[in-house]
Amino acid sequence: GNYSMRNAALIWAQCPDASAVAGFHD
């Protein structure tokens, strides 16, 4: 919903349980 297909795949590969993702300052 918030990230490109490539970045979503990278997030999922590193943390399959990720649900809400944001940067440090966000």
mmCIF file of all heavy atoms, coordinates in Angstrom:
data_MODEL
# 
_entry.id   MODEL 
# 
loop_
_atom_site.group_PDB 
_atom_site.id 
_atom_site.type_symbol 
_atom_site.label_atom_id 
_atom_site.label_alt_id 
_atom_site.label_comp_id 
_atom_site.label_asym_id 
_atom_site.label_entity_id 
_atom_site.label_seq_id 
_atom_site.pdbx_PDB_ins_code 
_atom_site.Cartn_x 
_atom_site.Cartn_y 
_atom_site.Cartn_z 
_atom_site.occupancy 
_atom_site.B_iso_or_equiv 
_atom_site.pdbx_formal_charge 
_atom_site.auth_seq_id 
_atom_site.auth_comp_id 
_atom_site.auth_asym_id 
_atom_site.auth_atom_id 
_atom_site.pdbx_PDB_model_num 
ATOM 1   N N   . GLY A 1 1  ? 0.804  -1.206  0.000  1.00 0.00 ? 1  GLY A N   1 
ATOM 2   C CA  . GLY A 1 1  ? 0.000  0.000   0.000  1.00 0.00 ? 1  GLY A CA  1 
ATOM 3   C C   . GLY A 1 1  ? 0.842  1.264   0.000  1.00 0.00 ? 1  GLY A C   1 
ATOM 4   O O   . GLY A 1 1  ? 0.445  2.282   -0.537 1.00 0.00 ? 1  GLY A O   1 
ATOM 5   N N   . ASN A 1 2  ? 2.029  1.210   0.587  1.00 0.00 ? 2  ASN A N   1 
ATOM 6   C CA  . ASN A 1 2  ? 2.876  2.395   0.709  1.00 0.00 ? 2  ASN A CA  1 
ATOM 7   C C   . ASN A 1 2  ? 4.213  2.275   -0.014 1.00 0.00 ? 2  ASN A C   1 
ATOM 8   O O   . ASN A 1 2  ? 4.920  3.269   -0.139 1.00 0.00 ? 2  ASN A O   1 
ATOM 9   C CB  . ASN A 1 2  ? 3.143  2.686   2.178  1.00 0.00 ? 2  ASN A CB  1 
ATOM 10  C CG  . ASN A 1 2  ? 1.877  3.012   2.924  1.00 0.00 ? 2  ASN A CG  1 
ATOM 11  O OD1 . ASN A 1 2  ? 1.033  3.718   2.422  1.00 0.00 ? 2  ASN A OD1 1 
ATOM 12  N ND2 . ASN A 1 2  ? 1.737  2.479   4.114  1.00 0.00 ? 2  ASN A ND2 1 
ATOM 13  N N   . TYR A 1 3  ? 4.591  1.094   -0.421 1.00 0.00 ? 3  TYR A N   1 
ATOM 14  C CA  . TYR A 1 3  ? 5.914  0.869   -0.999 1.00 0.00 ? 3  TYR A CA  1 
ATOM 15  C C   . TYR A 1 3  ? 5.817  0.192   -2.355 1.00 0.00 ? 3  TYR A C   1 
ATOM 16  O O   . TYR A 1 3  ? 4.827  -0.475  -2.661 1.00 0.00 ? 3  TYR A O   1 
ATOM 17  C CB  . TYR A 1 3  ? 6.771  0.014   -0.047 1.00 0.00 ? 3  TYR A CB  1 
ATOM 18  C CG  . TYR A 1 3  ? 7.106  0.753   1.216  1.00 0.00 ? 3  TYR A CG  1 
ATOM 19  C CD1 . TYR A 1 3  ? 6.310  0.637   2.346  1.00 0.00 ? 3  TYR A CD1 1 
ATOM 20  C CD2 . TYR A 1 3  ? 8.198  1.602   1.281  1.00 0.00 ? 3  TYR A CD2 1 
ATOM 21  C CE1 . TYR A 1 3  ? 6.597  1.340   3.503  1.00 0.00 ? 3  TYR A CE1 1 
ATOM 22  C CE2 . TYR A 1 3  ? 8.499  2.315   2.423  1.00 0.00 ? 3  TYR A CE2 1 
ATOM 23  C CZ  . TYR A 1 3  ? 7.692  2.185   3.528  1.00 0.00 ? 3  TYR A CZ  1 
ATOM 24  O OH  . TYR A 1 3  ? 7.981  2.890   4.657  1.00 0.00 ? 3  TYR A OH  1 
ATOM 25  N N   . SER A 1 4  ? 6.869  0.335   -3.144 1.00 0.00 ? 4  SER A N   1 
ATOM 26  C CA  . SER A 1 4  ? 6.912  -0.311  -4.451 1.00 0.00 ? 4  SER A CA  1 
ATOM 27  C C   . SER A 1 4  ? 6.971  -1.825  -4.265 1.00 0.00 ? 4  SER A C   1 
ATOM 28  O O   . SER A 1 4  ? 7.276  -2.327  -3.179 1.00 0.00 ? 4  SER A O   1 
ATOM 29  C CB  . SER A 1 4  ? 8.153  0.151   -5.218 1.00 0.00 ? 4  SER A CB  1 
ATOM 30  O OG  . SER A 1 4  ? 9.327  -0.350  -4.584 1.00 0.00 ? 4  SER A OG  1 
ATOM 31  N N   . MET A 1 5  ? 6.707  -2.551  -5.332 1.00 0.00 ? 5  MET A N   1 
ATOM 32  C CA  . MET A 1 5  ? 6.759  -4.008  -5.288 1.00 0.00 ? 5  MET A CA  1 
ATOM 33  C C   . MET A 1 5  ? 8.147  -4.472  -4.845 1.00 0.00 ? 5  MET A C   1 
ATOM 34  O O   . MET A 1 5  ? 8.274  -5.367  -4.015 1.00 0.00 ? 5  MET A O   1 
ATOM 35  C CB  . MET A 1 5  ? 6.416  -4.583  -6.657 1.00 0.00 ? 5  MET A CB  1 
ATOM 36  C CG  . MET A 1 5  ? 6.444  -6.096  -6.696 1.00 0.00 ? 5  MET A CG  1 
ATOM 37  S SD  . MET A 1 5  ? 5.056  -6.804  -5.823 1.00 0.00 ? 5  MET A SD  1 
ATOM 38  C CE  . MET A 1 5  ? 3.941  -7.012  -7.171 1.00 0.00 ? 5  MET A CE  1 
ATOM 39  N N   . ARG A 1 6  ? 9.189  -3.848  -5.366 1.00 0.00 ? 6  ARG A N   1 
ATOM 40  C CA  . ARG A 1 6  ? 10.562 -4.227  -5.016 1.00 0.00 ? 6  ARG A CA  1 
ATOM 41  C C   . ARG A 1 6  ? 10.830 -3.994  -3.529 1.00 0.00 ? 6  ARG A C   1 
ATOM 42  O O   . ARG A 1 6  ? 11.354 -4.860  -2.847 1.00 0.00 ? 6  ARG A O   1 
ATOM 43  C CB  . ARG A 1 6  ? 11.554 -3.434  -5.862 1.00 0.00 ? 6  ARG A CB  1 
ATOM 44  C CG  . ARG A 1 6  ? 12.991 -3.672  -5.472 1.00 0.00 ? 6  ARG A CG  1 
ATOM 45  C CD  . ARG A 1 6  ? 13.997 -2.836  -6.205 1.00 0.00 ? 6  ARG A CD  1 
ATOM 46  N NE  . ARG A 1 6  ? 13.411 -1.728  -6.944 1.00 0.00 ? 6  ARG A NE  1 
ATOM 47  C CZ  . ARG A 1 6  ? 13.983 -1.109  -7.932 1.00 0.00 ? 6  ARG A CZ  1 
ATOM 48  N NH1 . ARG A 1 6  ? 15.167 -1.457  -8.346 1.00 0.00 ? 6  ARG A NH1 1 
ATOM 49  N NH2 . ARG A 1 6  ? 13.394 -0.113  -8.545 1.00 0.00 ? 6  ARG A NH2 1 
ATOM 50  N N   . ASN A 1 7  ? 10.460 -2.815  -3.020 1.00 0.00 ? 7  ASN A N   1 
ATOM 51  C CA  . ASN A 1 7  ? 10.707 -2.521  -1.614 1.00 0.00 ? 7  ASN A CA  1 
ATOM 52  C C   . ASN A 1 7  ? 9.833  -3.373  -0.699 1.00 0.00 ? 7  ASN A C   1 
ATOM 53  O O   . ASN A 1 7  ? 10.277 -3.793  0.371  1.00 0.00 ? 7  ASN A O   1 
ATOM 54  C CB  . ASN A 1 7  ? 10.526 -1.034  -1.329 1.00 0.00 ? 7  ASN A CB  1 
ATOM 55  C CG  . ASN A 1 7  ? 11.728 -0.230  -1.758 1.00 0.00 ? 7  ASN A CG  1 
ATOM 56  O OD1 . ASN A 1 7  ? 12.838 -0.742  -1.850 1.00 0.00 ? 7  ASN A OD1 1 
ATOM 57  N ND2 . ASN A 1 7  ? 11.514 1.041   -2.027 1.00 0.00 ? 7  ASN A ND2 1 
ATOM 58  N N   . ALA A 1 8  ? 8.601  -3.648  -1.103 1.00 0.00 ? 8  ALA A N   1 
ATOM 59  C CA  . ALA A 1 8  ? 7.746  -4.529  -0.307 1.00 0.00 ? 8  ALA A CA  1 
ATOM 60  C C   . ALA A 1 8  ? 8.364  -5.923  -0.213 1.00 0.00 ? 8  ALA A C   1 
ATOM 61  O O   . ALA A 1 8  ? 8.353  -6.543  0.849  1.00 0.00 ? 8  ALA A O   1 
ATOM 62  C CB  . ALA A 1 8  ? 6.348  -4.603  -0.910 1.00 0.00 ? 8  ALA A CB  1 
ATOM 63  N N   . ALA A 1 9  ? 8.925  -6.409  -1.314 1.00 0.00 ? 9  ALA A N   1 
ATOM 64  C CA  . ALA A 1 9  ? 9.578  -7.720  -1.303 1.00 0.00 ? 9  ALA A CA  1 
ATOM 65  C C   . ALA A 1 9  ? 10.814 -7.698  -0.403 1.00 0.00 ? 9  ALA A C   1 
ATOM 66  O O   . ALA A 1 9  ? 11.078 -8.657  0.328  1.00 0.00 ? 9  ALA A O   1 
ATOM 67  C CB  . ALA A 1 9  ? 9.957  -8.134  -2.721 1.00 0.00 ? 9  ALA A CB  1 
ATOM 68  N N   . LEU A 1 10 ? 11.575 -6.601  -0.441 1.00 0.00 ? 10 LEU A N   1 
ATOM 69  C CA  . LEU A 1 10 ? 12.742 -6.479  0.435  1.00 0.00 ? 10 LEU A CA  1 
ATOM 70  C C   . LEU A 1 10 ? 12.327 -6.468  1.902  1.00 0.00 ? 10 LEU A C   1 
ATOM 71  O O   . LEU A 1 10 ? 12.944 -7.136  2.743  1.00 0.00 ? 10 LEU A O   1 
ATOM 72  C CB  . LEU A 1 10 ? 13.524 -5.197  0.113  1.00 0.00 ? 10 LEU A CB  1 
ATOM 73  C CG  . LEU A 1 10 ? 14.349 -5.210  -1.165 1.00 0.00 ? 10 LEU A CG  1 
ATOM 74  C CD1 . LEU A 1 10 ? 14.863 -3.804  -1.474 1.00 0.00 ? 10 LEU A CD1 1 
ATOM 75  C CD2 . LEU A 1 10 ? 15.505 -6.183  -1.042 1.00 0.00 ? 10 LEU A CD2 1 
ATOM 76  N N   . ILE A 1 11 ? 11.280 -5.724  2.219  1.00 0.00 ? 11 ILE A N   1 
ATOM 77  C CA  . ILE A 1 11 ? 10.782 -5.671  3.600  1.00 0.00 ? 11 ILE A CA  1 
ATOM 78  C C   . ILE A 1 11 ? 10.322 -7.048  4.040  1.00 0.00 ? 11 ILE A C   1 
ATOM 79  O O   . ILE A 1 11 ? 10.664 -7.532  5.120  1.00 0.00 ? 11 ILE A O   1 
ATOM 80  C CB  . ILE A 1 11 ? 9.649  -4.635  3.732  1.00 0.00 ? 11 ILE A CB  1 
ATOM 81  C CG1 . ILE A 1 11 ? 10.209 -3.223  3.547  1.00 0.00 ? 11 ILE A CG1 1 
ATOM 82  C CG2 . ILE A 1 11 ? 8.942  -4.764  5.073  1.00 0.00 ? 11 ILE A CG2 1 
ATOM 83  C CD1 . ILE A 1 11 ? 9.136  -2.162  3.340  1.00 0.00 ? 11 ILE A CD1 1 
ATOM 84  N N   . TRP A 1 12 ? 9.549  -7.700  3.197  1.00 0.00 ? 12 TRP A N   1 
ATOM 85  C CA  . TRP A 1 12 ? 8.990  -9.013  3.528  1.00 0.00 ? 12 TRP A CA  1 
ATOM 86  C C   . TRP A 1 12 ? 10.097 -10.043 3.708  1.00 0.00 ? 12 TRP A C   1 
ATOM 87  O O   . TRP A 1 12 ? 10.021 -10.886 4.602  1.00 0.00 ? 12 TRP A O   1 
ATOM 88  C CB  . TRP A 1 12 ? 8.022  -9.430  2.437  1.00 0.00 ? 12 TRP A CB  1 
ATOM 89  C CG  . TRP A 1 12 ? 7.208  -10.641 2.746  1.00 0.00 ? 12 TRP A CG  1 
ATOM 90  C CD1 . TRP A 1 12 ? 6.663  -10.990 3.946  1.00 0.00 ? 12 TRP A CD1 1 
ATOM 91  C CD2 . TRP A 1 12 ? 6.824  -11.663 1.839  1.00 0.00 ? 12 TRP A CD2 1 
ATOM 92  N NE1 . TRP A 1 12 ? 5.963  -12.158 3.833  1.00 0.00 ? 12 TRP A NE1 1 
ATOM 93  C CE2 . TRP A 1 12 ? 6.045  -12.595 2.546  1.00 0.00 ? 12 TRP A CE2 1 
ATOM 94  C CE3 . TRP A 1 12 ? 7.051  -11.866 0.482  1.00 0.00 ? 12 TRP A CE3 1 
ATOM 95  C CZ2 . TRP A 1 12 ? 5.506  -13.725 1.945  1.00 0.00 ? 12 TRP A CZ2 1 
ATOM 96  C CZ3 . TRP A 1 12 ? 6.494  -12.995 -0.109 1.00 0.00 ? 12 TRP A CZ3 1 
ATOM 97  C CH2 . TRP A 1 12 ? 5.743  -13.906 0.611  1.00 0.00 ? 12 TRP A CH2 1 
ATOM 98  N N   . ALA A 1 13 ? 11.135 -9.984  2.885  1.00 0.00 ? 13 ALA A N   1 
ATOM 99  C CA  . ALA A 1 13 ? 12.242 -10.936 3.001  1.00 0.00 ? 13 ALA A CA  1 
ATOM 100 C C   . ALA A 1 13 ? 12.992 -10.758 4.316  1.00 0.00 ? 13 ALA A C   1 
ATOM 101 O O   . ALA A 1 13 ? 13.495 -11.731 4.887  1.00 0.00 ? 13 ALA A O   1 
ATOM 102 C CB  . ALA A 1 13 ? 13.207 -10.762 1.828  1.00 0.00 ? 13 ALA A CB  1 
ATOM 103 N N   . GLN A 1 14 ? 13.057 -9.528  4.817  1.00 0.00 ? 14 GLN A N   1 
ATOM 104 C CA  . GLN A 1 14 ? 13.791 -9.260  6.050  1.00 0.00 ? 14 GLN A CA  1 
ATOM 105 C C   . GLN A 1 14 ? 12.930 -9.414  7.298  1.00 0.00 ? 14 GLN A C   1 
ATOM 106 O O   . GLN A 1 14 ? 13.439 -9.689  8.380  1.00 0.00 ? 14 GLN A O   1 
ATOM 107 C CB  . GLN A 1 14 ? 14.357 -7.838  6.015  1.00 0.00 ? 14 GLN A CB  1 
ATOM 108 C CG  . GLN A 1 14 ? 15.390 -7.645  4.918  1.00 0.00 ? 14 GLN A CG  1 
ATOM 109 C CD  . GLN A 1 14 ? 15.724 -6.187  4.737  1.00 0.00 ? 14 GLN A CD  1 
ATOM 110 O OE1 . GLN A 1 14 ? 16.477 -5.630  5.519  1.00 0.00 ? 14 GLN A OE1 1 
ATOM 111 N NE2 . GLN A 1 14 ? 15.141 -5.565  3.720  1.00 0.00 ? 14 GLN A NE2 1 
ATOM 112 N N   . CYS A 1 15 ? 11.621 -9.219  7.149  1.00 0.00 ? 15 CYS A N   1 
ATOM 113 C CA  . CYS A 1 15 ? 10.703 -9.284  8.297  1.00 0.00 ? 15 CYS A CA  1 
ATOM 114 C C   . CYS A 1 15 ? 9.325  -9.702  7.792  1.00 0.00 ? 15 CYS A C   1 
ATOM 115 O O   . CYS A 1 15 ? 8.471  -8.851  7.528  1.00 0.00 ? 15 CYS A O   1 
ATOM 116 C CB  . CYS A 1 15 ? 10.648 -7.924  8.995  1.00 0.00 ? 15 CYS A CB  1 
ATOM 117 S SG  . CYS A 1 15 ? 9.610  -7.894  10.458 1.00 0.00 ? 15 CYS A SG  1 
ATOM 118 N N   . PRO A 1 16 ? 9.090  -11.013 7.643  1.00 0.00 ? 16 PRO A N   1 
ATOM 119 C CA  . PRO A 1 16 ? 7.821  -11.481 7.077  1.00 0.00 ? 16 PRO A CA  1 
ATOM 120 C C   . PRO A 1 16 ? 6.586  -11.051 7.871  1.00 0.00 ? 16 PRO A C   1 
ATOM 121 O O   . PRO A 1 16 ? 5.491  -11.010 7.331  1.00 0.00 ? 16 PRO A O   1 
ATOM 122 C CB  . PRO A 1 16 ? 7.956  -13.006 7.088  1.00 0.00 ? 16 PRO A CB  1 
ATOM 123 C CG  . PRO A 1 16 ? 9.416  -13.268 7.176  1.00 0.00 ? 16 PRO A CG  1 
ATOM 124 C CD  . PRO A 1 16 ? 10.008 -12.114 7.907  1.00 0.00 ? 16 PRO A CD  1 
ATOM 125 N N   . ASP A 1 17 ? 6.751  -10.731 9.139  1.00 0.00 ? 17 ASP A N   1 
ATOM 126 C CA  . ASP A 1 17 ? 5.617  -10.328 9.970  1.00 0.00 ? 17 ASP A CA  1 
ATOM 127 C C   . ASP A 1 17 ? 5.374  -8.822  9.966  1.00 0.00 ? 17 ASP A C   1 
ATOM 128 O O   . ASP A 1 17 ? 4.549  -8.335  10.727 1.00 0.00 ? 17 ASP A O   1 
ATOM 129 C CB  . ASP A 1 17 ? 5.830  -10.801 11.413 1.00 0.00 ? 17 ASP A CB  1 
ATOM 130 C CG  . ASP A 1 17 ? 5.900  -12.320 11.509 1.00 0.00 ? 17 ASP A CG  1 
ATOM 131 O OD1 . ASP A 1 17 ? 5.232  -12.992 10.698 1.00 0.00 ? 17 ASP A OD1 1 
ATOM 132 O OD2 . ASP A 1 17 ? 6.622  -12.830 12.377 1.00 0.00 ? 17 ASP A OD2 1 
ATOM 133 N N   . ALA A 1 18 ? 6.099  -8.073  9.141  1.00 0.00 ? 18 ALA A N   1 
ATOM 134 C CA  . ALA A 1 18 ? 5.956  -6.619  9.110  1.00 0.00 ? 18 ALA A CA  1 
ATOM 135 C C   . ALA A 1 18 ? 4.520  -6.241  8.772  1.00 0.00 ? 18 ALA A C   1 
ATOM 136 O O   . ALA A 1 18 ? 3.899  -6.839  7.901  1.00 0.00 ? 18 ALA A O   1 
ATOM 137 C CB  . ALA A 1 18 ? 6.918  -6.012  8.100  1.00 0.00 ? 18 ALA A CB  1 
ATOM 138 N N   . SER A 1 19 ? 4.011  -5.232  9.485  1.00 0.00 ? 19 SER A N   1 
ATOM 139 C CA  . SER A 1 19 ? 2.640  -4.810  9.230  1.00 0.00 ? 19 SER A CA  1 
ATOM 140 C C   . SER A 1 19 ? 2.540  -3.316  8.936  1.00 0.00 ? 19 SER A C   1 
ATOM 141 O O   . SER A 1 19 ? 1.815  -2.911  8.038  1.00 0.00 ? 19 SER A O   1 
ATOM 142 C CB  . SER A 1 19 ? 1.745  -5.166  10.418 1.00 0.00 ? 19 SER A CB  1 
ATOM 143 O OG  . SER A 1 19 ? 2.228  -4.552  11.589 1.00 0.00 ? 19 SER A OG  1 
ATOM 144 N N   . ALA A 1 20 ? 3.236  -2.502  9.691  1.00 0.00 ? 20 ALA A N   1 
ATOM 145 C CA  . ALA A 1 20 ? 3.249  -1.054  9.466  1.00 0.00 ? 20 ALA A CA  1 
ATOM 146 C C   . ALA A 1 20 ? 4.710  -0.624  9.501  1.00 0.00 ? 20 ALA A C   1 
ATOM 147 O O   . ALA A 1 20 ? 5.385  -0.786  10.503 1.00 0.00 ? 20 ALA A O   1 
ATOM 148 C CB  . ALA A 1 20 ? 2.458  -0.338  10.542 1.00 0.00 ? 20 ALA A CB  1 
ATOM 149 N N   . VAL A 1 21 ? 5.196  -0.082  8.408  1.00 0.00 ? 21 VAL A N   1 
ATOM 150 C CA  . VAL A 1 21 ? 6.613  0.231   8.260  1.00 0.00 ? 21 VAL A CA  1 
ATOM 151 C C   . VAL A 1 21 ? 6.778  1.719   7.975  1.00 0.00 ? 21 VAL A C   1 
ATOM 152 O O   . VAL A 1 21 ? 6.021  2.289   7.196  1.00 0.00 ? 21 VAL A O   1 
ATOM 153 C CB  . VAL A 1 21 ? 7.224  -0.596  7.107  1.00 0.00 ? 21 VAL A CB  1 
ATOM 154 C CG1 . VAL A 1 21 ? 8.691  -0.321  6.937  1.00 0.00 ? 21 VAL A CG1 1 
ATOM 155 C CG2 . VAL A 1 21 ? 7.006  -2.089  7.356  1.00 0.00 ? 21 VAL A CG2 1 
ATOM 156 N N   . ALA A 1 22 ? 7.777  2.332   8.641  1.00 0.00 ? 22 ALA A N   1 
ATOM 157 C CA  . ALA A 1 22 ? 8.076  3.747   8.411  1.00 0.00 ? 22 ALA A CA  1 
ATOM 158 C C   . ALA A 1 22 ? 9.518  4.016   8.796  1.00 0.00 ? 22 ALA A C   1 
ATOM 159 O O   . ALA A 1 22 ? 10.165 3.197   9.470  1.00 0.00 ? 22 ALA A O   1 
ATOM 160 C CB  . ALA A 1 22 ? 7.137  4.632   9.229  1.00 0.00 ? 22 ALA A CB  1 
ATOM 161 N N   . GLY A 1 23 ? 10.016 5.162   8.396  1.00 0.00 ? 23 GLY A N   1 
ATOM 162 C CA  . GLY A 1 23 ? 11.366 5.567   8.737  1.00 0.00 ? 23 GLY A CA  1 
ATOM 163 C C   . GLY A 1 23 ? 11.456 6.042   10.188 1.00 0.00 ? 23 GLY A C   1 
ATOM 164 O O   . GLY A 1 23 ? 10.451 6.291   10.859 1.00 0.00 ? 23 GLY A O   1 
ATOM 165 N N   . PHE A 1 24 ? 12.692 6.192   10.664 1.00 0.00 ? 24 PHE A N   1 
ATOM 166 C CA  . PHE A 1 24 ? 12.955 6.588   12.042 1.00 0.00 ? 24 PHE A CA  1 
ATOM 167 C C   . PHE A 1 24 ? 12.237 7.879   12.405 1.00 0.00 ? 24 PHE A C   1 
ATOM 168 O O   . PHE A 1 24 ? 11.531 7.955   13.415 1.00 0.00 ? 24 PHE A O   1 
ATOM 169 C CB  . PHE A 1 24 ? 14.474 6.748   12.229 1.00 0.00 ? 24 PHE A CB  1 
ATOM 170 C CG  . PHE A 1 24 ? 14.883 7.066   13.629 1.00 0.00 ? 24 PHE A CG  1 
ATOM 171 C CD1 . PHE A 1 24 ? 15.089 6.052   14.544 1.00 0.00 ? 24 PHE A CD1 1 
ATOM 172 C CD2 . PHE A 1 24 ? 15.056 8.379   14.031 1.00 0.00 ? 24 PHE A CD2 1 
ATOM 173 C CE1 . PHE A 1 24 ? 15.461 6.340   15.845 1.00 0.00 ? 24 PHE A CE1 1 
ATOM 174 C CE2 . PHE A 1 24 ? 15.438 8.676   15.332 1.00 0.00 ? 24 PHE A CE2 1 
ATOM 175 C CZ  . PHE A 1 24 ? 15.647 7.655   16.234 1.00 0.00 ? 24 PHE A CZ  1 
ATOM 176 N N   . HIS A 1 25 ? 12.388 8.906   11.592 1.00 0.00 ? 25 HIS A N   1 
ATOM 177 C CA  . HIS A 1 25 ? 11.790 10.208  11.894 1.00 0.00 ? 25 HIS A CA  1 
ATOM 178 C C   . HIS A 1 25 ? 10.270 10.185  11.743 1.00 0.00 ? 25 HIS A C   1 
ATOM 179 O O   . HIS A 1 25 ? 9.565  10.894  12.471 1.00 0.00 ? 25 HIS A O   1 
ATOM 180 C CB  . HIS A 1 25 ? 12.415 11.297  11.031 1.00 0.00 ? 25 HIS A CB  1 
ATOM 181 C CG  . HIS A 1 25 ? 13.867 11.498  11.329 1.00 0.00 ? 25 HIS A CG  1 
ATOM 182 N ND1 . HIS A 1 25 ? 14.325 12.036  12.504 1.00 0.00 ? 25 HIS A ND1 1 
ATOM 183 C CD2 . HIS A 1 25 ? 14.987 11.192  10.616 1.00 0.00 ? 25 HIS A CD2 1 
ATOM 184 C CE1 . HIS A 1 25 ? 15.646 12.069  12.505 1.00 0.00 ? 25 HIS A CE1 1 
ATOM 185 N NE2 . HIS A 1 25 ? 16.066 11.547  11.358 1.00 0.00 ? 25 HIS A NE2 1 
ATOM 186 N N   . ASP A 1 26 ? 9.767  9.375   10.811 1.00 0.00 ? 26 ASP A N   1 
ATOM 187 C CA  . ASP A 1 26 ? 8.313  9.254   10.661 1.00 0.00 ? 26 ASP A CA  1 
ATOM 188 C C   . ASP A 1 26 ? 7.695  8.638   11.912 1.00 0.00 ? 26 ASP A C   1 
ATOM 189 O O   . ASP A 1 26 ? 6.604  9.028   12.327 1.00 0.00 ? 26 ASP A O   1 
ATOM 190 C CB  . ASP A 1 26 ? 7.958  8.430   9.427  1.00 0.00 ? 26 ASP A CB  1 
ATOM 191 C CG  . ASP A 1 26 ? 8.298  9.148   8.140  1.00 0.00 ? 26 ASP A CG  1 
ATOM 192 O OD1 . ASP A 1 26 ? 8.276  10.394  8.133  1.00 0.00 ? 26 ASP A OD1 1 
ATOM 193 O OD2 . ASP A 1 26 ? 8.594  8.470   7.136  1.00 0.00 ? 26 ASP A OD2 1 
# 
